[in-house]
């Protein structure tokens, strides 16, 4: 019987793990939390932020708008208010294209 591969994901990510993922400072994540209503990490009794998968997806959107597309924070907030679904679709398309590009680069290197 073949083994089934399953990817184990965590329920919660620390703010340090999230900052490492985006290669930004922890303070920037805290700042974005204050600025954007869509970010609502849970906090434990000590006050440590615990980010869920939903928070990570929202951070993907914020990071894409602010860092990759160079929106101002005000512009990013406006874009999220006006058409969040369009932004999410664009991010998904970009990620798929990056995966295809990486596959093609790997294939070329093997030839």
PDB file of N, CA and C in Angstrom:
ATOM      1  N   UNK A   1       0.850  -1.174   0.000  1.00  0.00           N
ATOM      2  CA  UNK A   1       0.000   0.000   0.000  1.00  0.00           C
ATOM      3  C   UNK A   1       0.900   1.243   0.000  1.00  0.00           C
ATOM      4  N   UNK A   2       0.686   2.198  -0.906  1.00  0.00           N
ATOM      5  CA  UNK A   2       1.544   3.380  -0.973  1.00  0.00           C
ATOM      6  C   UNK A   2       1.286   4.321   0.202  1.00  0.00           C
ATOM      7  N   UNK A   3       2.364   4.985   0.600  1.00  0.00           N
ATOM      8  CA  UNK A   3       2.236   5.958   1.678  1.00  0.00           C
ATOM      9  C   UNK A   3       1.603   7.232   1.133  1.00  0.00           C
ATOM     10  N   UNK A   4       0.755   7.820   1.922  1.00  0.00           N
ATOM     11  CA  UNK A   4       0.106   9.069   1.542  1.00  0.00           C
ATOM     12  C   UNK A   4       0.904  10.202   2.171  1.00  0.00           C
ATOM     13  N   UNK A   5       1.347  11.126   1.332  1.00  0.00           N
ATOM     14  CA  UNK A   5       2.096  12.270   1.831  1.00  0.00           C
ATOM     15  C   UNK A   5       1.119  13.316   2.356  1.00  0.00           C
ATOM     16  N   UNK A   6       1.334  13.738   3.565  1.00  0.00           N
ATOM     17  CA  UNK A   6       0.523  14.817   4.115  1.00  0.00           C
ATOM     18  C   UNK A   6       1.459  15.875   4.662  1.00  0.00           C
ATOM     19  N   UNK A   7       1.111  17.087   4.405  1.00  0.00           N
ATOM     20  CA  UNK A   7       1.911  18.194   4.898  1.00  0.00           C
ATOM     21  C   UNK A   7       1.350  18.620   6.249  1.00  0.00           C
ATOM     22  N   UNK A   8       2.189  18.611   7.238  1.00  0.00           N
ATOM     23  CA  UNK A   8       1.758  18.996   8.576  1.00  0.00           C
ATOM     24  C   UNK A   8       1.938  20.506   8.716  1.00  0.00           C
ATOM     25  N   UNK A   9       0.855  21.167   9.030  1.00  0.00           N
ATOM     26  CA  UNK A   9       0.931  22.598   9.263  1.00  0.00           C
ATOM     27  C   UNK A   9       0.612  22.862  10.714  1.00  0.00           C
ATOM     28  N   UNK A  10       1.134  23.941  11.189  1.00  0.00           N
ATOM     29  CA  UNK A  10       0.906  24.304  12.572  1.00  0.00           C
ATOM     30  C   UNK A  10      -0.427  25.040  12.694  1.00  0.00           C
ATOM     31  N   UNK A  11      -1.001  24.972  13.863  1.00  0.00           N
ATOM     32  CA  UNK A  11      -2.222  25.732  14.109  1.00  0.00           C
ATOM     33  C   UNK A  11      -1.899  27.205  14.312  1.00  0.00           C
ATOM     34  N   UNK A  12      -0.793  27.482  14.983  1.00  0.00           N
ATOM     35  CA  UNK A  12      -0.414  28.848  15.294  1.00  0.00           C
ATOM     36  C   UNK A  12       1.059  29.072  14.986  1.00  0.00           C
ATOM     37  N   UNK A  13       1.365  30.260  14.521  1.00  0.00           N
ATOM     38  CA  UNK A  13       2.738  30.659  14.237  1.00  0.00           C
ATOM     39  C   UNK A  13       3.088  31.853  15.119  1.00  0.00           C
ATOM     40  N   UNK A  14       4.306  31.874  15.620  1.00  0.00           N
ATOM     41  CA  UNK A  14       4.742  32.998  16.443  1.00  0.00           C
ATOM     42  C   UNK A  14       5.039  34.187  15.539  1.00  0.00           C
ATOM     43  N   UNK A  15       5.133  35.355  16.134  1.00  0.00           N
ATOM     44  CA  UNK A  15       5.406  36.555  15.349  1.00  0.00           C
ATOM     45  C   UNK A  15       6.800  36.486  14.735  1.00  0.00           C
ATOM     46  N   UNK A  16       7.734  35.822  15.403  1.00  0.00           N
ATOM     47  CA  UNK A  16       9.074  35.657  14.859  1.00  0.00           C
ATOM     48  C   UNK A  16       9.075  34.799  13.608  1.00  0.00           C
ATOM     49  N   UNK A  17       8.299  33.717  13.629  1.00  0.00           N
ATOM     50  CA  UNK A  17       8.191  32.849  12.458  1.00  0.00           C
ATOM     51  C   UNK A  17       7.560  33.586  11.283  1.00  0.00           C
ATOM     52  N   UNK A  18       6.562  34.403  11.590  1.00  0.00           N
ATOM     53  CA  UNK A  18       5.876  35.171  10.544  1.00  0.00           C
ATOM     54  C   UNK A  18       6.836  36.202   9.947  1.00  0.00           C
ATOM     55  N   UNK A  19       7.583  36.890  10.802  1.00  0.00           N
ATOM     56  CA  UNK A  19       8.542  37.888  10.324  1.00  0.00           C
ATOM     57  C   UNK A  19       9.617  37.233   9.465  1.00  0.00           C
ATOM     58  N   UNK A  20      10.080  36.047   9.861  1.00  0.00           N
ATOM     59  CA  UNK A  20      11.079  35.328   9.064  1.00  0.00           C
ATOM     60  C   UNK A  20      10.523  34.935   7.702  1.00  0.00           C
ATOM     61  N   UNK A  21       9.280  34.552   7.673  1.00  0.00           N
ATOM     62  CA  UNK A  21       8.655  34.146   6.409  1.00  0.00           C
ATOM     63  C   UNK A  21       8.685  35.285   5.393  1.00  0.00           C
ATOM     64  N   UNK A  22       8.413  36.501   5.851  1.00  0.00           N
ATOM     65  CA  UNK A  22       8.360  37.652   4.956  1.00  0.00           C
ATOM     66  C   UNK A  22       9.666  38.433   4.902  1.00  0.00           C
ATOM     67  N   UNK A  23      10.646  38.004   5.706  1.00  0.00           N
ATOM     68  CA  UNK A  23      11.948  38.674   5.773  1.00  0.00           C
ATOM     69  C   UNK A  23      11.791  40.151   6.133  1.00  0.00           C
ATOM     70  N   UNK A  24      10.995  40.402   7.175  1.00  0.00           N
ATOM     71  CA  UNK A  24      10.791  41.752   7.692  1.00  0.00           C
ATOM     72  C   UNK A  24      11.012  41.719   9.205  1.00  0.00           C
ATOM     73  N   UNK A  25      11.066  42.895   9.791  1.00  0.00           N
ATOM     74  CA  UNK A  25      11.211  42.987  11.242  1.00  0.00           C
ATOM     75  C   UNK A  25       9.898  42.659  11.937  1.00  0.00           C
ATOM     76  N   UNK A  26      10.021  42.166  13.173  1.00  0.00           N
ATOM     77  CA  UNK A  26       8.843  41.855  13.987  1.00  0.00           C
ATOM     78  C   UNK A  26       8.024  43.121  14.212  1.00  0.00           C
ATOM     79  N   UNK A  27       8.713  44.255  14.367  1.00  0.00           N
ATOM     80  CA  UNK A  27       8.008  45.511  14.606  1.00  0.00           C
ATOM     81  C   UNK A  27       7.103  45.885  13.437  1.00  0.00           C
ATOM     82  N   UNK A  28       7.498  45.531  12.212  1.00  0.00           N
ATOM     83  CA  UNK A  28       6.656  45.826  11.050  1.00  0.00           C
ATOM     84  C   UNK A  28       5.374  45.008  11.090  1.00  0.00           C
ATOM     85  N   UNK A  29       5.465  43.758  11.519  1.00  0.00           N
ATOM     86  CA  UNK A  29       4.265  42.918  11.647  1.00  0.00           C
ATOM     87  C   UNK A  29       3.327  43.525  12.696  1.00  0.00           C
ATOM     88  N   UNK A  30       3.895  43.960  13.821  1.00  0.00           N
ATOM     89  CA  UNK A  30       3.066  44.600  14.855  1.00  0.00           C
ATOM     90  C   UNK A  30       2.398  45.870  14.319  1.00  0.00           C
ATOM     91  N   UNK A  31       3.159  46.647  13.556  1.00  0.00           N
ATOM     92  CA  UNK A  31       2.632  47.885  12.982  1.00  0.00           C
ATOM     93  C   UNK A  31       1.485  47.586  12.023  1.00  0.00           C
ATOM     94  N   UNK A  32       1.677  46.594  11.154  1.00  0.00           N
ATOM     95  CA  UNK A  32       0.610  46.223  10.225  1.00  0.00           C
ATOM     96  C   UNK A  32      -0.617  45.740  10.977  1.00  0.00           C
ATOM     97  N   UNK A  33      -0.406  45.068  12.094  1.00  0.00           N
ATOM     98  CA  UNK A  33      -1.539  44.603  12.899  1.00  0.00           C
ATOM     99  C   UNK A  33      -2.386  45.785  13.376  1.00  0.00           C
ATOM    100  N   UNK A  34      -1.714  46.870  13.765  1.00  0.00           N
ATOM    101  CA  UNK A  34      -2.434  48.065  14.215  1.00  0.00           C
ATOM    102  C   UNK A  34      -3.134  48.775  13.062  1.00  0.00           C
ATOM    103  N   UNK A  35      -2.511  48.768  11.897  1.00  0.00           N
ATOM    104  CA  UNK A  35      -3.013  49.526  10.753  1.00  0.00           C
ATOM    105  C   UNK A  35      -4.135  48.831   9.977  1.00  0.00           C
ATOM    106  N   UNK A  36      -4.096  47.506   9.902  1.00  0.00           N
ATOM    107  CA  UNK A  36      -5.049  46.774   9.072  1.00  0.00           C
ATOM    108  C   UNK A  36      -6.035  45.987   9.937  1.00  0.00           C
ATOM    109  N   UNK A  37      -7.313  46.224   9.713  1.00  0.00           N
ATOM    110  CA  UNK A  37      -8.363  45.564  10.488  1.00  0.00           C
ATOM    111  C   UNK A  37      -8.447  44.067  10.218  1.00  0.00           C
ATOM    112  N   UNK A  38      -7.970  43.623   9.061  1.00  0.00           N
ATOM    113  CA  UNK A  38      -8.098  42.208   8.718  1.00  0.00           C
ATOM    114  C   UNK A  38      -7.114  41.336   9.490  1.00  0.00           C
ATOM    115  N   UNK A  39      -6.139  41.940  10.156  1.00  0.00           N
ATOM    116  CA  UNK A  39      -5.174  41.178  10.965  1.00  0.00           C
ATOM    117  C   UNK A  39      -5.648  41.147  12.410  1.00  0.00           C
ATOM    118  N   UNK A  40      -5.954  39.959  12.892  1.00  0.00           N
ATOM    119  CA  UNK A  40      -6.398  39.796  14.269  1.00  0.00           C
ATOM    120  C   UNK A  40      -5.773  38.552  14.891  1.00  0.00           C
ATOM    121  N   UNK A  41      -4.454  38.585  15.158  1.00  0.00           N
ATOM    122  CA  UNK A  41      -3.855  37.388  15.754  1.00  0.00           C
ATOM    123  C   UNK A  41      -4.359  37.205  17.179  1.00  0.00           C
ATOM    124  N   UNK A  42      -4.432  35.955  17.580  1.00  0.00           N
ATOM    125  CA  UNK A  42      -4.821  35.668  18.957  1.00  0.00           C
ATOM    126  C   UNK A  42      -3.640  35.982  19.855  1.00  0.00           C
ATOM    127  N   UNK A  43      -3.914  36.218  21.119  1.00  0.00           N
ATOM    128  CA  UNK A  43      -2.836  36.448  22.078  1.00  0.00           C
ATOM    129  C   UNK A  43      -3.016  35.481  23.234  1.00  0.00           C
ATOM    130  N   UNK A  44      -1.898  34.914  23.679  1.00  0.00           N
ATOM    131  CA  UNK A  44      -1.978  34.003  24.823  1.00  0.00           C
ATOM    132  C   UNK A  44      -1.944  34.818  26.118  1.00  0.00           C
ATOM    133  N   UNK A  45      -1.902  34.147  27.261  1.00  0.00           N
ATOM    134  CA  UNK A  45      -1.944  34.844  28.547  1.00  0.00           C
ATOM    135  C   UNK A  45      -0.762  35.780  28.748  1.00  0.00           C
ATOM    136  N   UNK A  46       0.365  35.431  28.137  1.00  0.00           N
ATOM    137  CA  UNK A  46       1.552  36.281  28.237  1.00  0.00           C
ATOM    138  C   UNK A  46       1.471  37.488  27.306  1.00  0.00           C
ATOM    139  N   UNK A  47       0.555  37.459  26.364  1.00  0.00           N
ATOM    140  CA  UNK A  47       0.430  38.538  25.393  1.00  0.00           C
ATOM    141  C   UNK A  47       1.157  38.265  24.089  1.00  0.00           C
ATOM    142  N   UNK A  48       1.709  37.067  23.944  1.00  0.00           N
ATOM    143  CA  UNK A  48       2.382  36.699  22.697  1.00  0.00           C
ATOM    144  C   UNK A  48       1.354  36.510  21.596  1.00  0.00           C
ATOM    145  N   UNK A  49       1.674  37.044  20.424  1.00  0.00           N
ATOM    146  CA  UNK A  49       0.770  36.921  19.283  1.00  0.00           C
ATOM    147  C   UNK A  49       0.883  35.539  18.665  1.00  0.00           C
ATOM    148  N   UNK A  50      -0.270  34.965  18.341  1.00  0.00           N
ATOM    149  CA  UNK A  50      -0.332  33.651  17.706  1.00  0.00           C
ATOM    150  C   UNK A  50      -1.115  33.798  16.406  1.00  0.00           C
ATOM    151  N   UNK A  51      -0.431  33.640  15.291  1.00  0.00           N
ATOM    152  CA  UNK A  51      -1.027  33.852  13.984  1.00  0.00           C
ATOM    153  C   UNK A  51      -1.559  32.540  13.424  1.00  0.00           C
ATOM    154  N   UNK A  52      -2.782  32.572  12.915  1.00  0.00           N
ATOM    155  CA  UNK A  52      -3.400  31.397  12.292  1.00  0.00           C
ATOM    156  C   UNK A  52      -3.144  31.433  10.789  1.00  0.00           C
ATOM    157  N   UNK A  53      -3.578  30.377  10.095  1.00  0.00           N
ATOM    158  CA  UNK A  53      -3.445  30.339   8.633  1.00  0.00           C
ATOM    159  C   UNK A  53      -4.199  31.500   7.980  1.00  0.00           C
ATOM    160  N   UNK A  54      -5.344  31.860   8.542  1.00  0.00           N
ATOM    161  CA  UNK A  54      -6.116  32.985   8.010  1.00  0.00           C
ATOM    162  C   UNK A  54      -5.319  34.282   8.128  1.00  0.00           C
ATOM    163  N   UNK A  55      -4.654  34.463   9.265  1.00  0.00           N
ATOM    164  CA  UNK A  55      -3.822  35.649   9.452  1.00  0.00           C
ATOM    165  C   UNK A  55      -2.668  35.668   8.453  1.00  0.00           C
ATOM    166  N   UNK A  56      -2.089  34.499   8.196  1.00  0.00           N
ATOM    167  CA  UNK A  56      -0.983  34.397   7.252  1.00  0.00           C
ATOM    168  C   UNK A  56      -1.458  34.776   5.843  1.00  0.00           C
ATOM    169  N   UNK A  57      -2.642  34.313   5.471  1.00  0.00           N
ATOM    170  CA  UNK A  57      -3.185  34.660   4.150  1.00  0.00           C
ATOM    171  C   UNK A  57      -3.438  36.164   4.040  1.00  0.00           C
ATOM    172  N   UNK A  58      -3.943  36.760   5.122  1.00  0.00           N
ATOM    173  CA  UNK A  58      -4.154  38.202   5.128  1.00  0.00           C
ATOM    174  C   UNK A  58      -2.824  38.948   5.055  1.00  0.00           C
ATOM    175  N   UNK A  59      -1.805  38.436   5.728  1.00  0.00           N
ATOM    176  CA  UNK A  59      -0.480  39.046   5.642  1.00  0.00           C
ATOM    177  C   UNK A  59       0.096  38.910   4.234  1.00  0.00           C
ATOM    178  N   UNK A  60      -0.202  37.800   3.560  1.00  0.00           N
ATOM    179  CA  UNK A  60       0.224  37.645   2.167  1.00  0.00           C
ATOM    180  C   UNK A  60      -0.333  38.780   1.315  1.00  0.00           C
ATOM    181  N   UNK A  61      -1.588  39.098   1.536  1.00  0.00           N
ATOM    182  CA  UNK A  61      -2.244  40.172   0.782  1.00  0.00           C
ATOM    183  C   UNK A  61      -1.591  41.513   1.099  1.00  0.00           C
ATOM    184  N   UNK A  62      -1.405  41.795   2.375  1.00  0.00           N
ATOM    185  CA  UNK A  62      -0.809  43.063   2.789  1.00  0.00           C
ATOM    186  C   UNK A  62       0.611  43.180   2.243  1.00  0.00           C
ATOM    187  N   UNK A  63       1.386  42.104   2.385  1.00  0.00           N
ATOM    188  CA  UNK A  63       2.771  42.121   1.904  1.00  0.00           C
ATOM    189  C   UNK A  63       2.814  42.362   0.393  1.00  0.00           C
ATOM    190  N   UNK A  64       1.926  41.683  -0.324  1.00  0.00           N
ATOM    191  CA  UNK A  64       1.878  41.848  -1.779  1.00  0.00           C
ATOM    192  C   UNK A  64       1.600  43.301  -2.157  1.00  0.00           C
ATOM    193  N   UNK A  65       0.628  43.901  -1.514  1.00  0.00           N
ATOM    194  CA  UNK A  65       0.265  45.275  -1.847  1.00  0.00           C
ATOM    195  C   UNK A  65       1.351  46.265  -1.456  1.00  0.00           C
ATOM    196  N   UNK A  66       1.866  46.130  -0.232  1.00  0.00           N
ATOM    197  CA  UNK A  66       2.789  47.139   0.302  1.00  0.00           C
ATOM    198  C   UNK A  66       4.214  46.944  -0.215  1.00  0.00           C
ATOM    199  N   UNK A  67       4.705  45.738  -0.191  1.00  0.00           N
ATOM    200  CA  UNK A  67       6.111  45.498  -0.535  1.00  0.00           C
ATOM    201  C   UNK A  67       6.335  45.190  -2.009  1.00  0.00           C
ATOM    202  N   UNK A  68       5.454  44.415  -2.619  1.00  0.00           N
ATOM    203  CA  UNK A  68       5.664  44.014  -4.002  1.00  0.00           C
ATOM    204  C   UNK A  68       5.097  45.022  -4.998  1.00  0.00           C
ATOM    205  N   UNK A  69       3.949  45.597  -4.685  1.00  0.00           N
ATOM    206  CA  UNK A  69       3.324  46.544  -5.618  1.00  0.00           C
ATOM    207  C   UNK A  69       3.530  47.990  -5.191  1.00  0.00           C
ATOM    208  N   UNK A  70       4.234  48.200  -4.075  1.00  0.00           N
ATOM    209  CA  UNK A  70       4.613  49.535  -3.579  1.00  0.00           C
ATOM    210  C   UNK A  70       3.433  50.460  -3.298  1.00  0.00           C
ATOM    211  N   UNK A  71       2.346  49.905  -2.789  1.00  0.00           N
ATOM    212  CA  UNK A  71       1.226  50.729  -2.348  1.00  0.00           C
ATOM    213  C   UNK A  71       1.614  51.421  -1.042  1.00  0.00           C
ATOM    214  N   UNK A  72       1.055  52.605  -0.811  1.00  0.00           N
ATOM    215  CA  UNK A  72       1.168  53.195   0.518  1.00  0.00           C
ATOM    216  C   UNK A  72       0.203  52.449   1.426  1.00  0.00           C
ATOM    217  N   UNK A  73       0.349  52.622   2.730  1.00  0.00           N
ATOM    218  CA  UNK A  73      -0.580  51.951   3.645  1.00  0.00           C
ATOM    219  C   UNK A  73      -2.005  52.433   3.404  1.00  0.00           C
ATOM    220  N   UNK A  74      -2.147  53.712   3.162  1.00  0.00           N
ATOM    221  CA  UNK A  74      -3.472  54.264   2.880  1.00  0.00           C
ATOM    222  C   UNK A  74      -4.048  53.658   1.600  1.00  0.00           C
ATOM    223  N   UNK A  75      -3.221  53.551   0.571  1.00  0.00           N
ATOM    224  CA  UNK A  75      -3.661  52.964  -0.691  1.00  0.00           C
ATOM    225  C   UNK A  75      -4.002  51.488  -0.542  1.00  0.00           C
ATOM    226  N   UNK A  76      -3.209  50.763   0.252  1.00  0.00           N
ATOM    227  CA  UNK A  76      -3.472  49.335   0.474  1.00  0.00           C
ATOM    228  C   UNK A  76      -4.794  49.147   1.216  1.00  0.00           C
ATOM    229  N   UNK A  77      -5.040  49.977   2.215  1.00  0.00           N
ATOM    230  CA  UNK A  77      -6.309  49.888   2.954  1.00  0.00           C
ATOM    231  C   UNK A  77      -7.489  50.146   2.024  1.00  0.00           C
ATOM    232  N   UNK A  78      -7.346  51.155   1.170  1.00  0.00           N
ATOM    233  CA  UNK A  78      -8.409  51.492   0.227  1.00  0.00           C
ATOM    234  C   UNK A  78      -8.659  50.339  -0.735  1.00  0.00           C
ATOM    235  N   UNK A  79      -7.594  49.752  -1.252  1.00  0.00           N
ATOM    236  CA  UNK A  79      -7.714  48.618  -2.185  1.00  0.00           C
ATOM    237  C   UNK A  79      -8.422  47.445  -1.518  1.00  0.00           C
ATOM    238  N   UNK A  80      -8.086  47.170  -0.257  1.00  0.00           N
ATOM    239  CA  UNK A  80      -8.722  46.070   0.470  1.00  0.00           C
ATOM    240  C   UNK A  80     -10.199  46.349   0.721  1.00  0.00           C
ATOM    241  N   UNK A  81     -10.532  47.581   1.020  1.00  0.00           N
ATOM    242  CA  UNK A  81     -11.937  47.935   1.241  1.00  0.00           C
ATOM    243  C   UNK A  81     -12.743  47.816  -0.041  1.00  0.00           C
ATOM    244  N   UNK A  82     -12.169  48.290  -1.141  1.00  0.00           N
ATOM    245  CA  UNK A  82     -12.909  48.340  -2.395  1.00  0.00           C
ATOM    246  C   UNK A  82     -13.045  46.976  -3.068  1.00  0.00           C
ATOM    247  N   UNK A  83     -11.949  46.220  -3.117  1.00  0.00           N
ATOM    248  CA  UNK A  83     -12.014  44.981  -3.884  1.00  0.00           C
ATOM    249  C   UNK A  83     -11.000  43.965  -3.379  1.00  0.00           C
ATOM    250  N   UNK A  84     -11.268  43.386  -2.233  1.00  0.00           N
ATOM    251  CA  UNK A  84     -10.353  42.419  -1.630  1.00  0.00           C
ATOM    252  C   UNK A  84     -10.274  41.142  -2.466  1.00  0.00           C
ATOM    253  N   UNK A  85     -11.399  40.678  -3.001  1.00  0.00           N
ATOM    254  CA  UNK A  85     -11.409  39.427  -3.768  1.00  0.00           C
ATOM    255  C   UNK A  85     -10.551  39.516  -5.026  1.00  0.00           C
ATOM    256  N   UNK A  86     -10.579  40.661  -5.693  1.00  0.00           N
ATOM    257  CA  UNK A  86      -9.758  40.858  -6.885  1.00  0.00           C
ATOM    258  C   UNK A  86      -8.276  40.759  -6.532  1.00  0.00           C
ATOM    259  N   UNK A  87      -7.899  41.342  -5.415  1.00  0.00           N
ATOM    260  CA  UNK A  87      -6.513  41.298  -4.959  1.00  0.00           C
ATOM    261  C   UNK A  87      -6.101  39.872  -4.634  1.00  0.00           C
ATOM    262  N   UNK A  88      -6.977  39.135  -3.968  1.00  0.00           N
ATOM    263  CA  UNK A  88      -6.682  37.736  -3.621  1.00  0.00           C
ATOM    264  C   UNK A  88      -6.486  36.913  -4.891  1.00  0.00           C
ATOM    265  N   UNK A  89      -7.360  37.109  -5.882  1.00  0.00           N
ATOM    266  CA  UNK A  89      -7.238  36.379  -7.149  1.00  0.00           C
ATOM    267  C   UNK A  89      -5.926  36.700  -7.853  1.00  0.00           C
ATOM    268  N   UNK A  90      -5.533  37.976  -7.842  1.00  0.00           N
ATOM    269  CA  UNK A  90      -4.269  38.373  -8.469  1.00  0.00           C
ATOM    270  C   UNK A  90      -3.080  37.714  -7.780  1.00  0.00           C
ATOM    271  N   UNK A  91      -3.108  37.644  -6.467  1.00  0.00           N
ATOM    272  CA  UNK A  91      -2.017  37.030  -5.721  1.00  0.00           C
ATOM    273  C   UNK A  91      -1.934  35.543  -6.048  1.00  0.00           C
ATOM    274  N   UNK A  92      -3.069  34.874  -6.126  1.00  0.00           N
ATOM    275  CA  UNK A  92      -3.075  33.446  -6.465  1.00  0.00           C
ATOM    276  C   UNK A  92      -2.511  33.210  -7.860  1.00  0.00           C
ATOM    277  N   UNK A  93      -2.871  34.055  -8.805  1.00  0.00           N
ATOM    278  CA  UNK A  93      -2.354  33.929 -10.168  1.00  0.00           C
ATOM    279  C   UNK A  93      -0.844  34.141 -10.182  1.00  0.00           C
ATOM    280  N   UNK A  94      -0.380  35.157  -9.486  1.00  0.00           N
ATOM    281  CA  UNK A  94       1.059  35.436  -9.434  1.00  0.00           C
ATOM    282  C   UNK A  94       1.815  34.268  -8.814  1.00  0.00           C
ATOM    283  N   UNK A  95       1.286  33.699  -7.736  1.00  0.00           N
ATOM    284  CA  UNK A  95       1.954  32.559  -7.093  1.00  0.00           C
ATOM    285  C   UNK A  95       2.013  31.351  -8.017  1.00  0.00           C
ATOM    286  N   UNK A  96       0.935  31.089  -8.741  1.00  0.00           N
ATOM    287  CA  UNK A  96       0.934  29.970  -9.693  1.00  0.00           C
ATOM    288  C   UNK A  96       1.962  30.199 -10.798  1.00  0.00           C
ATOM    289  N   UNK A  97       2.034  31.432 -11.299  1.00  0.00           N
ATOM    290  CA  UNK A  97       3.008  31.738 -12.342  1.00  0.00           C
ATOM    291  C   UNK A  97       4.439  31.580 -11.831  1.00  0.00           C
ATOM    292  N   UNK A  98       4.679  31.961 -10.584  1.00  0.00           N
ATOM    293  CA  UNK A  98       6.017  31.776  -9.992  1.00  0.00           C
ATOM    294  C   UNK A  98       6.362  30.296  -9.892  1.00  0.00           C
ATOM    295  N   UNK A  99       5.373  29.470  -9.523  1.00  0.00           N
ATOM    296  CA  UNK A  99       5.605  28.024  -9.445  1.00  0.00           C
ATOM    297  C   UNK A  99       5.932  27.452 -10.822  1.00  0.00           C
ATOM    298  N   UNK A 100       5.193  27.864 -11.844  1.00  0.00           N
ATOM    299  CA  UNK A 100       5.434  27.384 -13.204  1.00  0.00           C
ATOM    300  C   UNK A 100       6.822  27.826 -13.670  1.00  0.00           C
ATOM    301  N   UNK A 101       7.162  29.071 -13.397  1.00  0.00           N
ATOM    302  CA  UNK A 101       8.479  29.578 -13.788  1.00  0.00           C
ATOM    303  C   UNK A 101       9.583  28.769 -13.114  1.00  0.00           C
ATOM    304  N   UNK A 102       9.439  28.512 -11.822  1.00  0.00           N
ATOM    305  CA  UNK A 102      10.439  27.743 -11.097  1.00  0.00           C
ATOM    306  C   UNK A 102      10.568  26.334 -11.669  1.00  0.00           C
ATOM    307  N   UNK A 103       9.444  25.722 -12.004  1.00  0.00           N
ATOM    308  CA  UNK A 103       9.456  24.409 -12.620  1.00  0.00           C
ATOM    309  C   UNK A 103      10.226  24.434 -13.943  1.00  0.00           C
ATOM    310  N   UNK A 104       9.954  25.439 -14.756  1.00  0.00           N
ATOM    311  CA  UNK A 104      10.620  25.542 -16.058  1.00  0.00           C
ATOM    312  C   UNK A 104      12.125  25.806 -15.901  1.00  0.00           C
ATOM    313  N   UNK A 105      12.487  26.624 -14.933  1.00  0.00           N
ATOM    314  CA  UNK A 105      13.905  26.883 -14.684  1.00  0.00           C
ATOM    315  C   UNK A 105      14.604  25.614 -14.239  1.00  0.00           C
ATOM    316  N   UNK A 106      13.967  24.862 -13.342  1.00  0.00           N
ATOM    317  CA  UNK A 106      14.536  23.586 -12.882  1.00  0.00           C
ATOM    318  C   UNK A 106      14.671  22.608 -14.047  1.00  0.00           C
ATOM    319  N   UNK A 107      13.659  22.566 -14.895  1.00  0.00           N
ATOM    320  CA  UNK A 107      13.685  21.674 -16.061  1.00  0.00           C
ATOM    321  C   UNK A 107      14.821  22.062 -17.003  1.00  0.00           C
ATOM    322  N   UNK A 108      14.980  23.343 -17.257  1.00  0.00           N
ATOM    323  CA  UNK A 108      16.056  23.821 -18.126  1.00  0.00           C
ATOM    324  C   UNK A 108      17.424  23.455 -17.552  1.00  0.00           C
ATOM    325  N   UNK A 109      17.574  23.594 -16.242  1.00  0.00           N
ATOM    326  CA  UNK A 109      18.849  23.277 -15.604  1.00  0.00           C
ATOM    327  C   UNK A 109      19.184  21.793 -15.679  1.00  0.00           C
ATOM    328  N   UNK A 110      18.170  20.944 -15.726  1.00  0.00           N
ATOM    329  CA  UNK A 110      18.401  19.510 -15.828  1.00  0.00           C
ATOM    330  C   UNK A 110      18.797  19.068 -17.240  1.00  0.00           C
ATOM    331  N   UNK A 111      18.456  19.882 -18.226  1.00  0.00           N
ATOM    332  CA  UNK A 111      18.768  19.519 -19.613  1.00  0.00           C
ATOM    333  C   UNK A 111      20.212  19.765 -19.955  1.00  0.00           C
TER     334      UNK A 111
END
